[in-house]
Amino acid sequence: MTMVSSHIRRLVVLTMSMQLLWTRFVSSFPRSSLSKIPITPLTSFNSIYMQRHPTTFSSSTRRALSTTTSEDIVQLSYSEFQPSNKGTTTSQQHHPPVILLHGLLGNKRNFASLASSLSTQLQNPRSIYTVDLRNHGENTHDWKNTMSYSEMARDVLAFMDKISSEEAVIVGHSMGGKVAQSLALMAPERVAGLVVLDISPVRYYSDNKKASGGVGDDSGWKVVEQIVRSVAQIDLEEGGYKTKREVDAVLRDGILEDPALRAFVLTNLEQLRAKDVSDAESQSLLKWKIHWDGIVNELDRIAGFDVHDQSMDSNLEGLEEQQQQSSQYTYDGDVFFIHGGASRFVRSSHLPTITSYFPNHMLTTIRGVGHWVHAEAPDDTIALLKRYLDR
C-alpha cells in the first residue's frame, strides 16, 4: 500500500508539473498575428502517463495490427532532416522525432522547407521526417486500390518501426491530419504529441444538405472533389503533353483558375527525358506521381473519418460514424489544432466531436489564411510548432 501511495504521489506531482508547462505553453502565443482560442479548459495533463501506460484500446489495436500482412502495408518514401547542431545525438534520444504528413494530392516536398527550418530552430533537437502517404509521391512502386485512414495510419506505424522509433510527434495537414488523428486513436502509446493543421475528425459532404443528425457542409470539400475528378481525367498519353506548361494551360482553361492551386497539382507531374521513355510509341514526356484511380475510387472514405475499417460498413451509411467511434476511441495526450481563419474546414459545430476524441486539446486560429496554413503563413506555423515541441 505504501509503495502504491508513493507512486500515486509521484504521479500527481508529475501531472501538476506538466500541467504548469502546458499552461505556460498556452499563455505564450503571440497575440499580434494569432487569435488564441482554447476550445476546452485543460483540466488534466495525462499525456506522459498515458503514453507509458496504454489505454485498453491499445491491446486490441495491437491485435488488429498483427493481422495486417506485409502486402497490405506501403513502405513509405521519406526524407529526413537532422538538427543542424552536431553533437546532439544523446539529447535527441530523449526527444521523439517529428513526422510530417501531407494532405490530399500533396507529397513530402510540401513540408520540406518547413522541416528544414524547424530542424534548425528547436531548442530540443529532434529528427524530422516528411513522408509520401500511400498513392502519392515516390510510392509509385506500390500503388494501392484502398486508402482508408486506418490503412494509412498502419503505413505510418510501419514507417516508425522502420526508423526504430517507439513513439513520435505526428503533425498532419488536411488528409494527413486525419491520418495523424487516426494513428493517435488507434495506437496512443506510439504518439508523443499530435498537431493537426486545418482539419476536423468529421465527415465532409459534397453538398450543403444536412446529413442525418449532422450539419450542413460548406467546407469546400465539393470543390476538392471536383478538382480531383477533373484532373484525374487528363490523359497524358492521349494529349501527347511534353511539358508541365502544356498541362498547366489545360488546367487553367477549364479546371483551375487559381495559379497557386495549379502549381500545387503540378507538383505531382514528373518531367521525363526522351531517352528515359521506354515505350517508343509514347507521345508524352510526363508521368503522374499519383495514383488517380485509387484516389478517385476512395474519395468517399477520404471525406469521412474511419478509425477502424468496420466504420465504413455500408449498413452504417456514415451517419453515426463519429458518434459510434468517439465512444470507443480517445487520445488523452495534448493535441494542438491550428486553423486557418479564412478556411471552413474547422467549424464550431465540430467541437463536440473533437472534444470526445481529444479531451486535452487546444485550437489556435491564424488570421487571414486559408486551408494551406503552413504554405500561406509558414513563419507563424513554424513558431507555433516550435512552441509546442519545446514546451
Protein backbone atom coordinates (compact mmCIF):
# COMPACT_ATOMS: atom_id res chain seq x y z
CA MET A 1 0.00 0.00 0.00
CA THR A 2 2.85 2.37 0.86
CA MET A 3 4.51 1.74 -2.50
CA VAL A 4 1.22 2.39 -4.30
CA SER A 5 0.64 5.60 -2.36
CA SER A 6 4.16 6.74 -3.15
CA HIS A 7 3.61 6.01 -6.83
CA ILE A 8 0.35 7.97 -6.83
CA ARG A 9 2.01 10.94 -5.11
CA ARG A 10 4.79 10.96 -7.71
CA LEU A 11 2.21 10.76 -10.48
CA VAL A 12 0.23 13.68 -9.04
CA VAL A 13 3.39 15.79 -8.77
CA LEU A 14 4.33 14.89 -12.35
CA THR A 15 0.84 15.71 -13.61
CA MET A 16 0.82 19.09 -11.85
CA SER A 17 4.29 19.91 -13.17
CA MET A 18 3.37 19.03 -16.73
CA GLN A 19 0.08 20.94 -16.41
CA LEU A 20 2.13 24.00 -15.47
CA LEU A 21 4.32 23.53 -18.54
CA TRP A 22 1.25 23.21 -20.77
CA THR A 23 -0.31 26.33 -19.20
CA ARG A 24 2.87 28.29 -19.88
CA PHE A 25 2.81 27.00 -23.45
CA VAL A 26 -0.80 28.13 -23.93
CA SER A 27 -0.15 31.58 -22.48
CA SER A 28 2.96 32.15 -24.61
CA PHE A 29 1.29 32.54 -28.00
CA PRO A 30 1.96 35.76 -29.90
CA ARG A 31 -1.11 37.98 -29.85
CA SER A 32 -0.36 40.19 -32.86
CA SER A 33 -0.99 37.82 -35.77
CA LEU A 34 -2.64 34.95 -33.97
CA SER A 35 -6.02 34.58 -32.33
CA LYS A 36 -5.72 32.33 -29.30
CA ILE A 37 -8.87 30.24 -28.90
CA PRO A 38 -8.66 27.46 -26.32
CA ILE A 39 -11.62 25.19 -27.02
CA THR A 40 -11.72 23.43 -23.68
CA PRO A 41 -10.02 24.02 -20.35
CA LEU A 42 -7.03 21.74 -19.95
CA THR A 43 -8.02 20.39 -16.57
CA SER A 44 -5.59 17.49 -16.74
CA PHE A 45 -2.36 16.62 -18.45
CA ASN A 46 -2.19 12.89 -18.89
CA SER A 47 -0.03 12.52 -21.98
CA ILE A 48 3.16 11.40 -20.25
CA TYR A 49 1.34 8.84 -18.13
CA MET A 50 -0.97 7.63 -20.90
CA GLN A 51 1.86 7.13 -23.39
CA ARG A 52 3.73 4.96 -20.92
CA HIS A 53 0.57 3.18 -19.74
CA PRO A 54 -1.59 2.49 -22.84
CA THR A 55 -5.36 2.51 -22.67
CA THR A 56 -7.40 -0.67 -23.03
CA PHE A 57 -7.75 0.12 -26.71
CA SER A 58 -4.06 -0.37 -27.45
CA SER A 59 -4.19 -4.12 -26.81
CA SER A 60 -6.98 -4.55 -29.35
CA THR A 61 -5.08 -2.25 -31.64
CA ARG A 62 -2.04 -4.48 -31.41
CA ARG A 63 -4.20 -7.49 -32.28
CA ALA A 64 -5.62 -5.65 -35.27
CA LEU A 65 -2.17 -4.62 -36.43
CA SER A 66 -0.87 -8.15 -36.04
CA THR A 67 -3.41 -9.33 -38.62
CA THR A 68 -2.10 -6.85 -41.19
CA THR A 69 0.10 -8.60 -43.74
CA SER A 70 3.20 -7.07 -45.31
CA GLU A 71 1.32 -6.93 -48.61
CA ASP A 72 -1.21 -4.54 -47.04
CA ILE A 73 1.47 -2.09 -45.88
CA VAL A 74 3.06 0.56 -48.10
CA GLN A 75 6.73 1.22 -47.39
CA LEU A 76 6.54 4.99 -47.43
CA SER A 77 9.11 7.10 -49.24
CA TYR A 78 10.58 9.72 -46.91
CA SER A 79 13.11 12.48 -46.35
CA GLU A 80 14.99 13.05 -43.11
CA PHE A 81 16.05 16.39 -41.62
CA GLN A 82 18.61 16.28 -38.82
CA PRO A 83 19.30 19.13 -36.37
CA SER A 84 22.00 21.47 -37.64
CA ASN A 85 23.77 21.33 -34.27
CA LYS A 86 26.08 18.35 -34.46
CA GLY A 87 26.83 16.54 -31.28
CA THR A 88 23.20 16.43 -30.14
CA THR A 89 22.81 12.70 -30.69
CA THR A 90 22.49 11.91 -26.98
CA SER A 91 19.96 14.68 -26.45
CA GLN A 92 17.94 13.56 -29.48
CA GLN A 93 17.42 10.18 -27.88
CA HIS A 94 15.24 11.86 -25.24
CA HIS A 95 13.06 13.73 -27.74
CA PRO A 96 10.90 11.66 -30.09
CA PRO A 97 11.14 12.52 -33.79
CA VAL A 98 8.56 14.56 -35.68
CA ILE A 99 6.75 13.03 -38.66
CA LEU A 100 5.02 15.42 -41.08
CA LEU A 101 2.07 14.13 -43.13
CA HIS A 102 0.87 15.99 -46.24
CA GLY A 103 -2.68 16.40 -47.49
CA LEU A 104 -4.60 15.06 -50.48
CA LEU A 105 -2.68 15.48 -53.77
CA GLY A 106 0.38 16.54 -51.79
CA ASN A 107 3.74 14.89 -51.23
CA LYS A 108 6.67 15.02 -48.84
CA ARG A 109 8.18 18.01 -50.64
CA ASN A 110 5.28 20.19 -49.45
CA PHE A 111 6.82 20.15 -45.96
CA ALA A 112 10.50 20.25 -46.99
CA SER A 113 11.04 23.96 -46.31
CA LEU A 114 9.16 23.85 -43.01
CA ALA A 115 11.01 20.72 -41.88
CA SER A 116 14.38 22.23 -42.77
CA SER A 117 13.66 25.47 -40.90
CA LEU A 118 12.17 23.71 -37.89
CA SER A 119 15.12 21.34 -37.56
CA THR A 120 17.48 24.29 -37.08
CA GLN A 121 15.31 26.21 -34.60
CA LEU A 122 14.22 23.68 -32.00
CA GLN A 123 15.67 24.07 -28.52
CA ASN A 124 15.08 20.36 -28.00
CA PRO A 125 16.78 18.81 -31.05
CA ARG A 126 14.77 16.21 -32.92
CA SER A 127 14.95 14.30 -36.15
CA ILE A 128 12.21 15.43 -38.52
CA TYR A 129 10.75 13.26 -41.27
CA THR A 130 8.48 14.04 -44.19
CA VAL A 131 6.77 11.09 -45.88
CA ASP A 132 4.76 10.37 -49.02
CA LEU A 133 1.44 8.84 -47.98
CA ARG A 134 0.04 5.90 -49.94
CA ASN A 135 -0.88 6.58 -53.58
CA HIS A 136 1.16 9.79 -53.51
CA GLY A 137 4.69 10.89 -54.37
CA GLU A 138 7.51 8.43 -54.82
CA ASN A 139 5.50 5.40 -53.73
CA THR A 140 4.87 4.62 -57.41
CA HIS A 141 6.20 1.08 -56.93
CA ASP A 142 3.33 0.19 -54.63
CA TRP A 143 0.03 1.75 -55.66
CA LYS A 144 -2.98 0.52 -53.69
CA ASN A 145 -6.68 0.49 -54.57
CA THR A 146 -7.72 1.19 -50.98
CA MET A 147 -6.72 4.05 -48.70
CA SER A 148 -8.80 4.11 -45.54
CA TYR A 149 -7.43 6.19 -42.70
CA SER A 150 -6.76 3.10 -40.63
CA GLU A 151 -4.71 1.67 -43.51
CA MET A 152 -2.74 4.89 -43.92
CA ALA A 153 -2.16 5.02 -40.16
CA ARG A 154 -0.77 1.48 -40.29
CA ASP A 155 1.60 2.59 -43.06
CA VAL A 156 2.93 5.31 -40.75
CA LEU A 157 3.28 2.86 -37.86
CA ALA A 158 5.29 0.57 -40.15
CA PHE A 159 7.46 3.56 -41.06
CA MET A 160 8.04 4.27 -37.37
CA ASP A 161 9.13 0.66 -36.94
CA LYS A 162 11.47 1.05 -39.91
CA ILE A 163 13.25 4.02 -38.32
CA SER A 164 13.22 2.26 -34.92
CA SER A 165 11.01 4.89 -33.30
CA GLU A 166 8.93 3.73 -30.34
CA GLU A 167 6.94 6.95 -30.44
CA ALA A 168 6.82 10.16 -32.44
CA VAL A 169 5.14 13.55 -32.60
CA ILE A 170 2.75 13.41 -35.55
CA VAL A 171 1.93 16.58 -37.50
CA GLY A 172 -0.63 16.32 -40.28
CA HIS A 173 -2.34 18.68 -42.71
CA SER A 174 -5.81 18.06 -44.14
CA MET A 175 -5.99 14.39 -45.18
CA GLY A 176 -2.66 13.90 -43.40
CA GLY A 177 -4.25 15.45 -40.31
CA LYS A 178 -6.95 12.79 -40.38
CA VAL A 179 -4.27 10.12 -40.74
CA ALA A 180 -2.47 11.62 -37.74
CA GLN A 181 -5.66 11.65 -35.64
CA SER A 182 -6.48 8.06 -36.63
CA LEU A 183 -2.98 6.97 -35.62
CA ALA A 184 -3.29 8.65 -32.22
CA LEU A 185 -6.65 6.97 -31.58
CA MET A 186 -5.53 3.55 -32.81
CA ALA A 187 -2.14 3.44 -31.09
CA PRO A 188 -1.96 6.19 -28.43
CA GLU A 189 1.15 4.69 -26.85
CA ARG A 190 3.06 5.40 -30.09
CA VAL A 191 2.12 9.10 -30.27
CA ALA A 192 4.14 11.51 -28.12
CA GLY A 193 2.24 14.52 -29.41
CA LEU A 194 -0.26 15.48 -32.08
CA VAL A 195 -0.60 18.64 -34.18
CA VAL A 196 -3.47 18.92 -36.67
CA LEU A 197 -3.43 21.55 -39.41
CA ASP A 198 -6.87 22.75 -40.50
CA ILE A 199 -8.98 19.61 -40.45
CA SER A 200 -11.52 18.05 -38.09
CA PRO A 201 -12.19 14.37 -37.32
CA VAL A 202 -15.55 14.51 -39.11
CA ARG A 203 -17.13 13.56 -42.42
CA TYR A 204 -17.30 16.27 -45.09
CA TYR A 205 -20.01 16.32 -47.72
CA SER A 206 -20.08 17.35 -51.37
CA ASP A 207 -23.21 19.46 -50.96
CA ASN A 208 -24.76 21.80 -48.43
CA LYS A 209 -27.55 19.45 -47.45
CA LYS A 210 -27.77 18.43 -43.84
CA ALA A 211 -26.59 14.93 -43.08
CA SER A 212 -28.83 12.82 -40.89
CA GLY A 213 -28.16 14.09 -37.40
CA GLY A 214 -25.38 16.27 -38.77
CA VAL A 215 -24.85 19.81 -40.03
CA GLY A 216 -24.70 21.48 -43.40
CA ASP A 217 -21.31 21.38 -45.09
CA ASP A 218 -19.85 24.47 -46.75
CA SER A 219 -16.25 23.47 -46.05
CA GLY A 220 -15.23 23.40 -49.69
CA TRP A 221 -14.98 19.62 -49.96
CA LYS A 222 -17.25 19.75 -53.02
CA VAL A 223 -14.64 21.86 -54.81
CA VAL A 224 -11.86 19.49 -53.75
CA GLU A 225 -13.80 16.52 -55.10
CA GLN A 226 -14.49 18.31 -58.40
CA ILE A 227 -10.81 19.16 -58.81
CA VAL A 228 -9.70 15.59 -58.16
CA ARG A 229 -12.21 14.10 -60.59
CA SER A 230 -11.41 16.66 -63.29
CA VAL A 231 -7.62 16.43 -63.08
CA ALA A 232 -7.81 12.62 -62.99
CA GLN A 233 -9.39 12.70 -66.44
CA ILE A 234 -6.37 14.35 -68.06
CA ASP A 235 -4.81 11.63 -70.21
CA LEU A 236 -1.15 12.48 -70.65
CA GLU A 237 -0.67 9.93 -73.44
CA GLU A 238 -3.74 10.89 -75.41
CA GLY A 239 -2.90 14.57 -75.13
CA GLY A 240 0.74 13.97 -76.03
CA TYR A 241 1.84 16.55 -73.49
CA LYS A 242 5.57 17.21 -73.43
CA THR A 243 5.88 19.87 -70.73
CA LYS A 244 4.22 20.89 -67.47
CA ARG A 245 3.38 24.22 -69.10
CA GLU A 246 1.08 22.45 -71.55
CA VAL A 247 -0.77 20.69 -68.73
CA ASP A 248 -0.91 23.97 -66.81
CA ALA A 249 -2.71 25.53 -69.79
CA VAL A 250 -5.29 22.72 -69.76
CA LEU A 251 -5.87 23.21 -66.03
CA ARG A 252 -6.16 26.99 -66.42
CA ASP A 253 -8.70 26.82 -69.25
CA GLY A 254 -11.29 24.61 -67.65
CA ILE A 255 -10.42 23.26 -64.22
CA LEU A 256 -8.33 25.54 -62.01
CA GLU A 257 -8.13 29.30 -62.32
CA ASP A 258 -6.08 29.74 -59.14
CA PRO A 259 -2.38 29.70 -60.16
CA ALA A 260 -1.29 28.57 -56.68
CA LEU A 261 -3.60 25.54 -56.80
CA ARG A 262 -2.40 24.72 -60.32
CA ALA A 263 1.20 24.85 -59.17
CA PHE A 264 0.28 22.57 -56.27
CA VAL A 265 -1.34 19.99 -58.57
CA LEU A 266 1.60 20.16 -60.99
CA THR A 267 3.99 19.03 -58.26
CA ASN A 268 2.52 15.59 -58.97
CA LEU A 269 3.91 15.62 -62.52
CA GLU A 270 7.36 14.26 -63.29
CA GLN A 271 9.16 15.57 -66.36
CA LEU A 272 10.81 12.72 -68.26
CA ARG A 273 13.73 12.83 -70.65
CA ALA A 274 13.16 11.41 -74.11
CA LYS A 275 15.80 8.74 -73.59
CA ASP A 276 14.07 7.60 -70.39
CA VAL A 277 10.78 6.84 -72.12
CA SER A 278 10.86 3.08 -72.68
CA ASP A 279 7.77 2.93 -74.89
CA ALA A 280 8.77 4.06 -78.37
CA GLU A 281 5.13 4.89 -79.13
CA SER A 282 4.71 7.09 -76.07
CA GLN A 283 3.54 10.57 -77.00
CA SER A 284 4.11 12.14 -73.59
CA LEU A 285 7.24 13.12 -71.71
CA LEU A 286 5.32 13.45 -68.45
CA LYS A 287 4.29 10.98 -65.75
CA TRP A 288 1.87 11.34 -62.87
CA LYS A 289 3.36 10.58 -59.45
CA ILE A 290 -0.06 9.95 -58.01
CA HIS A 291 -2.46 7.02 -58.27
CA TRP A 292 -5.55 8.77 -59.61
CA ASP A 293 -7.72 5.67 -59.89
CA GLY A 294 -7.08 4.67 -56.29
CA ILE A 295 -7.80 8.18 -55.01
CA VAL A 296 -10.95 8.75 -57.08
CA ASN A 297 -12.35 5.39 -56.00
CA GLU A 298 -11.71 6.22 -52.34
CA LEU A 299 -12.96 9.82 -52.24
CA ASP A 300 -15.88 8.82 -50.02
CA ARG A 301 -13.52 7.31 -47.46
CA ILE A 302 -11.21 10.31 -47.65
CA ALA A 303 -14.17 12.62 -46.99
CA GLY A 304 -15.06 10.56 -43.93
CA PHE A 305 -13.16 9.61 -40.82
CA ASP A 306 -12.79 5.89 -40.19
CA VAL A 307 -10.75 4.93 -37.17
CA HIS A 308 -11.44 1.28 -37.86
CA ASP A 309 -12.27 -0.38 -41.17
CA GLN A 310 -15.68 -1.57 -40.00
CA SER A 311 -16.86 2.02 -39.72
CA MET A 312 -17.16 2.11 -43.50
CA ASP A 313 -19.62 -0.78 -43.50
CA SER A 314 -22.47 0.01 -45.88
CA ASN A 315 -25.01 -0.63 -43.14
CA LEU A 316 -23.77 2.38 -41.17
CA GLU A 317 -24.47 4.81 -44.02
CA GLY A 318 -21.88 7.12 -42.42
CA LEU A 319 -24.48 8.92 -40.33
CA GLU A 320 -23.37 7.56 -36.95
CA GLU A 321 -19.70 7.39 -37.82
CA GLN A 322 -18.42 9.93 -35.29
CA GLN A 323 -20.92 9.01 -32.55
CA GLN A 324 -20.08 5.32 -32.75
CA GLN A 325 -16.31 5.74 -32.81
CA SER A 326 -15.91 8.53 -30.27
CA SER A 327 -17.34 6.32 -27.53
CA GLN A 328 -14.65 3.72 -28.25
CA TYR A 329 -11.56 5.77 -29.07
CA THR A 330 -9.90 8.53 -27.10
CA TYR A 331 -6.41 10.03 -27.13
CA ASP A 332 -5.64 11.74 -23.83
CA GLY A 333 -2.38 13.37 -24.87
CA ASP A 334 -2.01 17.05 -25.75
CA VAL A 335 -3.46 17.85 -29.17
CA PHE A 336 -2.85 21.17 -30.89
CA PHE A 337 -5.22 22.21 -33.69
CA ILE A 338 -4.03 25.05 -35.96
CA HIS A 339 -6.84 26.52 -38.03
CA GLY A 340 -6.74 28.91 -40.98
CA GLY A 341 -9.04 31.84 -40.21
CA ALA A 342 -10.31 32.03 -43.80
CA SER A 343 -10.88 28.27 -44.05
CA ARG A 344 -14.16 26.45 -43.44
CA PHE A 345 -12.72 23.03 -42.63
CA VAL A 346 -12.83 23.53 -38.84
CA ARG A 347 -16.21 24.71 -37.54
CA SER A 348 -17.74 25.36 -34.14
CA SER A 349 -20.16 22.51 -34.85
CA HIS A 350 -17.16 20.15 -34.90
CA LEU A 351 -16.08 20.96 -31.35
CA PRO A 352 -18.15 18.30 -29.54
CA THR A 353 -16.67 15.59 -31.77
CA ILE A 354 -13.15 16.96 -31.36
CA THR A 355 -13.62 17.03 -27.59
CA SER A 356 -14.94 13.47 -27.47
CA TYR A 357 -11.84 12.16 -29.24
CA PHE A 358 -9.26 14.55 -27.79
CA PRO A 359 -10.22 15.85 -24.32
CA ASN A 360 -6.87 17.65 -23.88
CA HIS A 361 -6.81 19.86 -26.93
CA MET A 362 -6.39 23.48 -27.88
CA LEU A 363 -7.19 25.33 -31.10
CA THR A 364 -5.39 28.40 -32.41
CA THR A 365 -6.50 30.36 -35.46
CA ILE A 366 -4.02 32.07 -37.77
CA ARG A 367 -5.97 35.02 -39.07
CA GLY A 368 -6.39 35.72 -42.75
CA VAL A 369 -5.07 32.43 -44.13
CA GLY A 370 -6.90 29.58 -45.80
CA HIS A 371 -6.70 25.82 -45.73
CA TRP A 372 -2.98 25.58 -46.56
CA VAL A 373 -1.89 27.29 -43.34
CA HIS A 374 1.72 26.10 -43.48
CA ALA A 375 2.14 27.40 -47.04
CA GLU A 376 0.32 30.71 -46.54
CA ALA A 377 1.77 31.50 -43.11
CA PRO A 378 4.99 29.49 -42.82
CA ASP A 379 6.61 31.70 -40.18
CA ASP A 380 3.58 31.61 -37.88
CA THR A 381 3.20 27.86 -38.37
CA ILE A 382 6.85 27.23 -37.56
CA ALA A 383 6.64 29.48 -34.49
CA LEU A 384 3.61 27.57 -33.20
CA LEU A 385 5.18 24.17 -33.85
CA LYS A 386 8.38 25.28 -32.13
CA ARG A 387 6.46 26.41 -29.03
CA TYR A 388 4.56 23.14 -28.91
CA LEU A 389 7.65 20.95 -29.37
CA ASP A 390 9.84 22.93 -26.96
CA ARG A 391 7.19 23.36 -24.24
